[in-house]
Amino acid sequence: MPQPPFSAWPSNPFTGATLQTGATNGSRAQCAALLVRTHDWLERAIGEAPEVNGLTPLVTQAVDLYRRGDYAQCLRLAGGVQQAIELARATLPSLPAW
């Protein structure tokens, strides 16, 4: 049986991220929350609809951006993944709630 795509991720994919203060801290927190929510959703959804597997590389890229401290790009990419999830849910009602 193939291993779920996130099983190779550390329990906290945000380990080693650069911490900053001020306005960037808000972006960092937003990005982290969106990535955690997206990761959790994908873990539940992949078993129900393997089609969403295609989002995994995008989430991985977003995590890499987060780790490098590029929170603006991370938010853009993770936001695009969120939109794709919403479209997938509209098409496949059996997918878990966002």
N, C-alpha and C. Protein backbone atom coordinates (compact mmCIF):
# COMPACT_ATOMS: atom_id res chain seq x y z
N MET A 1 0.86 -1.18 0.00
CA MET A 1 0.00 0.00 0.00
C MET A 1 0.90 1.24 0.00
N PRO A 2 0.64 2.20 -0.89
CA PRO A 2 1.49 3.39 -0.93
C PRO A 2 1.34 4.22 0.33
N GLN A 3 2.43 4.86 0.68
CA GLN A 3 2.47 5.70 1.87
C GLN A 3 1.82 7.05 1.57
N PRO A 4 1.04 7.63 2.50
CA PRO A 4 0.48 8.96 2.27
C PRO A 4 1.60 9.97 2.01
N PRO A 5 1.36 10.95 1.17
CA PRO A 5 2.43 11.88 0.79
C PRO A 5 2.99 12.69 1.94
N PHE A 6 2.24 12.87 3.02
CA PHE A 6 2.72 13.69 4.11
C PHE A 6 3.41 12.90 5.19
N SER A 7 3.45 11.58 5.05
CA SER A 7 4.04 10.78 6.11
C SER A 7 5.53 11.04 6.26
N ALA A 8 6.17 11.54 5.21
CA ALA A 8 7.60 11.82 5.28
C ALA A 8 7.88 13.18 5.91
N TRP A 9 6.86 13.99 6.09
CA TRP A 9 7.05 15.31 6.69
C TRP A 9 7.31 15.16 8.17
N PRO A 10 8.09 16.07 8.73
CA PRO A 10 8.24 16.05 10.19
C PRO A 10 6.91 16.41 10.84
N SER A 11 6.77 16.07 12.09
CA SER A 11 5.52 16.37 12.78
C SER A 11 5.21 17.86 12.76
N ASN A 12 6.23 18.68 12.75
CA ASN A 12 6.04 20.13 12.61
C ASN A 12 6.81 20.57 11.38
N PRO A 13 6.13 20.75 10.22
CA PRO A 13 6.84 21.10 8.99
C PRO A 13 7.46 22.48 9.02
N PHE A 14 7.20 23.26 10.06
CA PHE A 14 7.69 24.63 10.12
C PHE A 14 8.94 24.77 10.97
N THR A 15 9.52 23.66 11.40
CA THR A 15 10.74 23.69 12.18
C THR A 15 11.86 24.34 11.38
N GLY A 16 12.61 25.20 12.02
CA GLY A 16 13.74 25.84 11.36
C GLY A 16 13.36 27.11 10.62
N ALA A 17 12.12 27.54 10.70
CA ALA A 17 11.70 28.76 10.01
C ALA A 17 12.33 29.98 10.68
N THR A 18 12.53 31.00 9.89
CA THR A 18 13.09 32.24 10.39
C THR A 18 11.98 33.03 11.09
N LEU A 19 12.23 33.43 12.31
CA LEU A 19 11.26 34.24 13.04
C LEU A 19 11.62 35.71 12.89
N GLN A 20 10.62 36.53 12.61
CA GLN A 20 10.82 37.96 12.48
C GLN A 20 9.75 38.67 13.28
N THR A 21 9.92 39.98 13.46
CA THR A 21 8.97 40.75 14.26
C THR A 21 8.21 41.72 13.39
N GLY A 22 7.27 42.44 14.01
CA GLY A 22 6.53 43.48 13.31
C GLY A 22 5.50 42.93 12.36
N ALA A 23 5.30 43.66 11.25
CA ALA A 23 4.27 43.31 10.27
C ALA A 23 4.53 41.92 9.69
N THR A 24 5.78 41.54 9.56
CA THR A 24 6.10 40.23 9.00
C THR A 24 5.60 39.12 9.90
N ASN A 25 5.59 39.38 11.20
CA ASN A 25 5.10 38.37 12.14
C ASN A 25 3.64 38.02 11.86
N GLY A 26 2.83 39.01 11.50
CA GLY A 26 1.44 38.75 11.15
C GLY A 26 1.33 37.87 9.92
N SER A 27 2.14 38.16 8.90
CA SER A 27 2.15 37.35 7.68
C SER A 27 2.62 35.93 7.99
N ARG A 28 3.63 35.84 8.84
CA ARG A 28 4.15 34.52 9.22
C ARG A 28 3.07 33.70 9.90
N ALA A 29 2.36 34.32 10.81
CA ALA A 29 1.31 33.61 11.54
C ALA A 29 0.17 33.20 10.61
N GLN A 30 -0.21 34.09 9.69
CA GLN A 30 -1.27 33.77 8.73
C GLN A 30 -0.86 32.59 7.86
N CYS A 31 0.37 32.66 7.37
CA CYS A 31 0.87 31.61 6.50
C CYS A 31 0.93 30.27 7.25
N ALA A 32 1.45 30.30 8.45
CA ALA A 32 1.54 29.07 9.24
C ALA A 32 0.16 28.47 9.48
N ALA A 33 -0.80 29.30 9.83
CA ALA A 33 -2.15 28.79 10.09
C ALA A 33 -2.76 28.19 8.83
N LEU A 34 -2.57 28.85 7.69
CA LEU A 34 -3.13 28.35 6.44
C LEU A 34 -2.45 27.04 6.03
N LEU A 35 -1.14 26.96 6.22
CA LEU A 35 -0.43 25.73 5.87
C LEU A 35 -0.85 24.56 6.75
N VAL A 36 -0.99 24.82 8.03
CA VAL A 36 -1.41 23.75 8.95
C VAL A 36 -2.81 23.27 8.57
N ARG A 37 -3.71 24.21 8.32
CA ARG A 37 -5.08 23.84 7.95
C ARG A 37 -5.10 23.06 6.64
N THR A 38 -4.31 23.51 5.66
CA THR A 38 -4.25 22.84 4.37
C THR A 38 -3.66 21.44 4.52
N HIS A 39 -2.60 21.33 5.27
CA HIS A 39 -1.98 20.02 5.52
C HIS A 39 -2.97 19.06 6.16
N ASP A 40 -3.66 19.53 7.19
CA ASP A 40 -4.64 18.67 7.87
C ASP A 40 -5.75 18.24 6.93
N TRP A 41 -6.22 19.18 6.09
CA TRP A 41 -7.30 18.85 5.15
C TRP A 41 -6.81 17.82 4.14
N LEU A 42 -5.62 18.01 3.60
CA LEU A 42 -5.11 17.05 2.62
C LEU A 42 -4.93 15.67 3.23
N GLU A 43 -4.49 15.61 4.45
CA GLU A 43 -4.33 14.30 5.10
C GLU A 43 -5.67 13.56 5.17
N ARG A 44 -6.75 14.30 5.42
CA ARG A 44 -8.08 13.66 5.47
C ARG A 44 -8.60 13.36 4.08
N ALA A 45 -8.36 14.24 3.12
CA ALA A 45 -8.99 14.15 1.81
C ALA A 45 -8.33 13.14 0.88
N ILE A 46 -7.04 12.94 1.00
CA ILE A 46 -6.34 12.07 0.05
C ILE A 46 -6.89 10.66 0.08
N GLY A 47 -7.30 10.18 1.23
CA GLY A 47 -7.89 8.85 1.32
C GLY A 47 -9.23 8.76 0.60
N GLU A 48 -9.95 9.86 0.54
CA GLU A 48 -11.27 9.88 -0.10
C GLU A 48 -11.21 10.20 -1.58
N ALA A 49 -10.23 10.99 -1.98
CA ALA A 49 -10.13 11.41 -3.38
C ALA A 49 -8.65 11.57 -3.76
N PRO A 50 -8.07 10.54 -4.33
CA PRO A 50 -6.65 10.62 -4.69
C PRO A 50 -6.35 11.77 -5.66
N GLU A 51 -7.37 12.32 -6.29
CA GLU A 51 -7.17 13.43 -7.23
C GLU A 51 -6.52 14.64 -6.56
N VAL A 52 -6.76 14.82 -5.28
CA VAL A 52 -6.20 15.98 -4.59
C VAL A 52 -4.71 15.82 -4.31
N ASN A 53 -4.16 14.65 -4.62
CA ASN A 53 -2.72 14.43 -4.48
C ASN A 53 -1.91 15.46 -5.25
N GLY A 54 -2.46 15.97 -6.33
CA GLY A 54 -1.76 16.95 -7.15
C GLY A 54 -1.46 18.25 -6.42
N LEU A 55 -2.15 18.49 -5.31
CA LEU A 55 -1.90 19.70 -4.53
C LEU A 55 -0.68 19.57 -3.62
N THR A 56 -0.25 18.35 -3.38
CA THR A 56 0.85 18.10 -2.46
C THR A 56 2.13 18.85 -2.83
N PRO A 57 2.58 18.83 -4.10
CA PRO A 57 3.81 19.57 -4.43
C PRO A 57 3.67 21.07 -4.19
N LEU A 58 2.48 21.61 -4.39
CA LEU A 58 2.27 23.04 -4.16
C LEU A 58 2.37 23.38 -2.67
N VAL A 59 1.83 22.52 -1.84
CA VAL A 59 1.92 22.73 -0.40
C VAL A 59 3.37 22.60 0.05
N THR A 60 4.08 21.65 -0.52
CA THR A 60 5.50 21.49 -0.20
C THR A 60 6.28 22.75 -0.57
N GLN A 61 5.99 23.32 -1.74
CA GLN A 61 6.64 24.57 -2.14
C GLN A 61 6.31 25.70 -1.17
N ALA A 62 5.04 25.77 -0.74
CA ALA A 62 4.63 26.81 0.20
C ALA A 62 5.38 26.67 1.52
N VAL A 63 5.55 25.44 1.98
CA VAL A 63 6.31 25.20 3.22
C VAL A 63 7.76 25.64 3.04
N ASP A 64 8.34 25.35 1.87
CA ASP A 64 9.71 25.80 1.61
C ASP A 64 9.81 27.33 1.65
N LEU A 65 8.83 28.01 1.06
CA LEU A 65 8.81 29.47 1.10
C LEU A 65 8.71 29.97 2.54
N TYR A 66 7.87 29.31 3.31
CA TYR A 66 7.72 29.66 4.72
C TYR A 66 9.05 29.53 5.46
N ARG A 67 9.71 28.41 5.25
CA ARG A 67 10.98 28.16 5.92
C ARG A 67 12.04 29.19 5.55
N ARG A 68 11.97 29.70 4.31
CA ARG A 68 12.94 30.72 3.87
C ARG A 68 12.54 32.12 4.32
N GLY A 69 11.37 32.24 4.93
CA GLY A 69 10.91 33.54 5.40
C GLY A 69 10.22 34.38 4.35
N ASP A 70 9.86 33.79 3.22
CA ASP A 70 9.16 34.51 2.15
C ASP A 70 7.65 34.33 2.36
N TYR A 71 7.14 35.03 3.37
CA TYR A 71 5.76 34.84 3.79
C TYR A 71 4.75 35.36 2.77
N ALA A 72 5.08 36.41 2.06
CA ALA A 72 4.16 36.95 1.05
C ALA A 72 3.93 35.92 -0.05
N GLN A 73 5.01 35.33 -0.57
CA GLN A 73 4.87 34.31 -1.61
C GLN A 73 4.20 33.06 -1.07
N CYS A 74 4.53 32.72 0.16
CA CYS A 74 3.90 31.57 0.81
C CYS A 74 2.39 31.75 0.87
N LEU A 75 1.96 32.95 1.29
CA LEU A 75 0.52 33.22 1.37
C LEU A 75 -0.14 33.16 0.01
N ARG A 76 0.53 33.67 -1.02
CA ARG A 76 -0.05 33.62 -2.37
C ARG A 76 -0.24 32.17 -2.82
N LEU A 77 0.79 31.38 -2.66
CA LEU A 77 0.72 29.99 -3.10
C LEU A 77 -0.28 29.19 -2.27
N ALA A 78 -0.22 29.33 -0.96
CA ALA A 78 -1.15 28.60 -0.09
C ALA A 78 -2.58 29.06 -0.33
N GLY A 79 -2.77 30.34 -0.62
CA GLY A 79 -4.11 30.84 -0.95
C GLY A 79 -4.63 30.23 -2.24
N GLY A 80 -3.75 30.04 -3.21
CA GLY A 80 -4.14 29.37 -4.45
C GLY A 80 -4.53 27.92 -4.21
N VAL A 81 -3.81 27.26 -3.32
CA VAL A 81 -4.16 25.88 -2.95
C VAL A 81 -5.53 25.86 -2.28
N GLN A 82 -5.78 26.83 -1.42
CA GLN A 82 -7.08 26.91 -0.75
C GLN A 82 -8.21 27.07 -1.79
N GLN A 83 -7.99 27.90 -2.79
CA GLN A 83 -8.99 28.07 -3.85
C GLN A 83 -9.21 26.76 -4.61
N ALA A 84 -8.13 26.05 -4.88
CA ALA A 84 -8.24 24.76 -5.56
C ALA A 84 -9.04 23.77 -4.71
N ILE A 85 -8.82 23.81 -3.40
CA ILE A 85 -9.57 22.93 -2.50
C ILE A 85 -11.05 23.27 -2.55
N GLU A 86 -11.37 24.55 -2.53
CA GLU A 86 -12.77 24.96 -2.59
C GLU A 86 -13.42 24.52 -3.89
N LEU A 87 -12.70 24.61 -5.00
CA LEU A 87 -13.23 24.12 -6.28
C LEU A 87 -13.41 22.61 -6.26
N ALA A 88 -12.44 21.91 -5.71
CA ALA A 88 -12.54 20.45 -5.62
C ALA A 88 -13.74 20.04 -4.78
N ARG A 89 -13.96 20.75 -3.68
CA ARG A 89 -15.10 20.43 -2.82
C ARG A 89 -16.42 20.68 -3.53
N ALA A 90 -16.47 21.70 -4.39
CA ALA A 90 -17.70 21.99 -5.13
C ALA A 90 -17.97 20.87 -6.15
N THR A 91 -16.90 20.29 -6.67
CA THR A 91 -17.02 19.23 -7.68
C THR A 91 -17.23 17.86 -7.05
N LEU A 92 -16.57 17.62 -5.95
CA LEU A 92 -16.63 16.33 -5.25
C LEU A 92 -17.19 16.54 -3.83
N PRO A 93 -18.48 16.53 -3.70
CA PRO A 93 -19.08 16.83 -2.38
C PRO A 93 -18.68 15.83 -1.28
N SER A 94 -18.13 14.70 -1.65
CA SER A 94 -17.72 13.72 -0.64
C SER A 94 -16.44 14.13 0.09
N LEU A 95 -15.75 15.17 -0.42
CA LEU A 95 -14.53 15.61 0.25
C LEU A 95 -14.85 16.22 1.61
N PRO A 96 -13.93 16.10 2.54
CA PRO A 96 -14.19 16.65 3.88
C PRO A 96 -14.34 18.17 3.86
N ALA A 97 -14.99 18.68 4.88
CA ALA A 97 -15.17 20.13 5.02
C ALA A 97 -13.83 20.79 5.16
N TRP A 98 -13.72 21.98 4.64
CA TRP A 98 -12.49 22.77 4.72
C TRP A 98 -12.39 23.29 6.12
